[in-house]
């Protein structure tokens, strides 16, 4: 799952540094949604675990 998140973050970094049109932004958004469609949803327990890990790493 982290690989998919990293791919999305890289895509976001690319978008931040380019001037793009609204249409291009929407196309990028829809493409990201297609790529994420195969990623299983996280359970509430998994989400809370990720939140706890992130909070602990920031202390």
N, C-alpha and C. Protein backbone atom coordinates (compact mmCIF):
# COMPACT_ATOMS: atom_id res chain seq x y z
N UNK A 1 0.82 -1.20 0.00
CA UNK A 1 0.00 0.00 0.00
C UNK A 1 0.87 1.26 0.00
N UNK A 2 1.99 1.22 0.72
CA UNK A 2 2.85 2.40 0.77
C UNK A 2 3.42 2.73 -0.61
N UNK A 3 3.65 1.72 -1.45
CA UNK A 3 4.13 1.98 -2.81
C UNK A 3 3.12 2.82 -3.58
N UNK A 4 1.85 2.48 -3.44
CA UNK A 4 0.80 3.23 -4.14
C UNK A 4 0.73 4.66 -3.62
N UNK A 5 0.87 4.81 -2.31
CA UNK A 5 0.84 6.15 -1.72
C UNK A 5 2.03 6.96 -2.23
N UNK A 6 3.21 6.33 -2.28
CA UNK A 6 4.39 7.03 -2.79
C UNK A 6 4.20 7.48 -4.23
N UNK A 7 3.59 6.63 -5.05
CA UNK A 7 3.32 7.00 -6.44
C UNK A 7 2.42 8.21 -6.50
N UNK A 8 1.39 8.22 -5.68
CA UNK A 8 0.46 9.35 -5.66
C UNK A 8 1.15 10.62 -5.18
N UNK A 9 2.01 10.49 -4.16
CA UNK A 9 2.73 11.65 -3.66
C UNK A 9 3.66 12.22 -4.73
N UNK A 10 4.33 11.34 -5.47
CA UNK A 10 5.20 11.80 -6.55
C UNK A 10 4.39 12.52 -7.61
N UNK A 11 3.21 12.00 -7.94
CA UNK A 11 2.34 12.65 -8.91
C UNK A 11 1.94 14.03 -8.41
N UNK A 12 1.63 14.14 -7.12
CA UNK A 12 1.25 15.43 -6.54
C UNK A 12 2.42 16.41 -6.59
N UNK A 13 3.63 15.94 -6.32
CA UNK A 13 4.81 16.81 -6.38
C UNK A 13 5.00 17.35 -7.79
N UNK A 14 4.79 16.51 -8.77
CA UNK A 14 4.94 16.94 -10.17
C UNK A 14 3.90 18.02 -10.47
N UNK A 15 2.67 17.78 -10.04
CA UNK A 15 1.60 18.74 -10.31
C UNK A 15 1.88 20.08 -9.64
N UNK A 16 2.42 20.08 -8.43
CA UNK A 16 2.69 21.32 -7.70
C UNK A 16 3.64 22.24 -8.45
N UNK A 17 4.54 21.68 -9.24
CA UNK A 17 5.57 22.47 -9.89
C UNK A 17 5.25 22.78 -11.35
N UNK A 18 4.04 22.53 -11.78
CA UNK A 18 3.65 22.80 -13.14
C UNK A 18 2.39 23.65 -13.16
N UNK A 19 2.32 24.54 -14.13
CA UNK A 19 1.08 25.28 -14.34
C UNK A 19 0.24 24.42 -15.28
N UNK A 20 -0.92 24.00 -14.79
CA UNK A 20 -1.77 23.14 -15.61
C UNK A 20 -3.19 23.70 -15.65
N UNK A 21 -3.92 23.27 -16.64
CA UNK A 21 -5.30 23.73 -16.77
C UNK A 21 -6.21 22.91 -15.85
N UNK A 22 -7.42 23.41 -15.68
CA UNK A 22 -8.41 22.70 -14.87
C UNK A 22 -8.69 21.33 -15.49
N UNK A 23 -8.77 21.26 -16.80
CA UNK A 23 -9.04 20.00 -17.49
C UNK A 23 -7.91 19.00 -17.24
N UNK A 24 -6.67 19.46 -17.32
CA UNK A 24 -5.53 18.57 -17.05
C UNK A 24 -5.55 18.09 -15.61
N UNK A 25 -5.90 18.98 -14.68
CA UNK A 25 -5.96 18.60 -13.27
C UNK A 25 -7.03 17.54 -13.05
N UNK A 26 -8.19 17.73 -13.66
CA UNK A 26 -9.26 16.75 -13.52
C UNK A 26 -8.87 15.41 -14.12
N UNK A 27 -8.24 15.44 -15.28
CA UNK A 27 -7.78 14.19 -15.91
C UNK A 27 -6.79 13.47 -15.01
N UNK A 28 -5.88 14.22 -14.40
CA UNK A 28 -4.91 13.63 -13.48
C UNK A 28 -5.61 13.02 -12.27
N UNK A 29 -6.59 13.74 -11.75
CA UNK A 29 -7.37 13.25 -10.61
C UNK A 29 -8.08 11.95 -10.96
N UNK A 30 -8.75 11.92 -12.11
CA UNK A 30 -9.48 10.71 -12.51
C UNK A 30 -8.53 9.54 -12.77
N UNK A 31 -7.37 9.82 -13.31
CA UNK A 31 -6.38 8.76 -13.54
C UNK A 31 -5.89 8.20 -12.20
N UNK A 32 -5.67 9.07 -11.23
CA UNK A 32 -5.24 8.62 -9.90
C UNK A 32 -6.33 7.74 -9.27
N UNK A 33 -7.59 8.13 -9.44
CA UNK A 33 -8.69 7.32 -8.90
C UNK A 33 -8.72 5.93 -9.53
N UNK A 34 -8.47 5.87 -10.84
CA UNK A 34 -8.42 4.56 -11.52
C UNK A 34 -7.32 3.70 -10.93
N UNK A 35 -6.14 4.31 -10.72
CA UNK A 35 -5.00 3.57 -10.19
C UNK A 35 -5.27 3.09 -8.77
N UNK A 36 -6.01 3.86 -8.00
CA UNK A 36 -6.27 3.50 -6.61
C UNK A 36 -7.46 2.56 -6.45
N UNK A 37 -8.19 2.30 -7.52
CA UNK A 37 -9.39 1.46 -7.45
C UNK A 37 -9.07 0.04 -6.98
N UNK A 38 -7.87 -0.43 -7.28
CA UNK A 38 -7.49 -1.79 -6.90
C UNK A 38 -6.94 -1.90 -5.48
N UNK A 39 -6.77 -0.77 -4.83
CA UNK A 39 -6.24 -0.77 -3.47
C UNK A 39 -7.39 -1.06 -2.50
N UNK A 40 -7.25 -2.08 -1.68
CA UNK A 40 -8.34 -2.38 -0.75
C UNK A 40 -8.50 -1.27 0.29
N UNK A 41 -9.73 -1.06 0.70
CA UNK A 41 -9.99 -0.05 1.72
C UNK A 41 -9.40 -0.50 3.04
N UNK A 42 -8.99 0.48 3.84
CA UNK A 42 -8.43 0.18 5.15
C UNK A 42 -9.57 0.08 6.18
N UNK A 43 -9.38 -0.81 7.13
CA UNK A 43 -10.35 -0.91 8.23
C UNK A 43 -10.11 0.24 9.19
N UNK A 44 -11.08 0.50 10.05
CA UNK A 44 -10.93 1.55 11.05
C UNK A 44 -9.72 1.26 11.94
N UNK A 45 -9.50 0.00 12.25
CA UNK A 45 -8.35 -0.39 13.06
C UNK A 45 -7.04 -0.04 12.36
N UNK A 46 -6.96 -0.31 11.07
CA UNK A 46 -5.75 0.01 10.31
C UNK A 46 -5.52 1.52 10.23
N UNK A 47 -6.59 2.26 10.05
CA UNK A 47 -6.48 3.72 10.00
C UNK A 47 -5.96 4.26 11.33
N UNK A 48 -6.54 3.79 12.42
CA UNK A 48 -6.10 4.23 13.75
C UNK A 48 -4.65 3.85 14.02
N UNK A 49 -4.24 2.70 13.54
CA UNK A 49 -2.85 2.27 13.71
C UNK A 49 -1.91 3.22 12.95
N UNK A 50 -2.28 3.59 11.74
CA UNK A 50 -1.46 4.52 10.96
C UNK A 50 -1.39 5.89 11.64
N UNK A 51 -2.49 6.34 12.18
CA UNK A 51 -2.52 7.62 12.89
C UNK A 51 -1.60 7.56 14.11
N UNK A 52 -1.67 6.48 14.86
CA UNK A 52 -0.82 6.32 16.05
C UNK A 52 0.66 6.30 15.67
N UNK A 53 0.98 5.60 14.62
CA UNK A 53 2.38 5.55 14.16
C UNK A 53 2.89 6.93 13.76
N UNK A 54 2.06 7.66 13.04
CA UNK A 54 2.45 9.00 12.60
C UNK A 54 2.63 9.93 13.78
N UNK A 55 1.72 9.88 14.71
CA UNK A 55 1.83 10.74 15.90
C UNK A 55 3.07 10.39 16.70
N UNK A 56 3.35 9.10 16.85
CA UNK A 56 4.52 8.67 17.61
C UNK A 56 5.82 9.12 16.92
N UNK A 57 5.83 9.10 15.61
CA UNK A 57 7.05 9.49 14.89
C UNK A 57 7.32 10.99 14.97
N UNK A 58 6.30 11.77 15.30
CA UNK A 58 6.45 13.22 15.38
C UNK A 58 6.81 13.71 16.78
N UNK A 59 6.86 12.79 17.75
CA UNK A 59 7.20 13.17 19.12
C UNK A 59 8.69 13.28 19.30
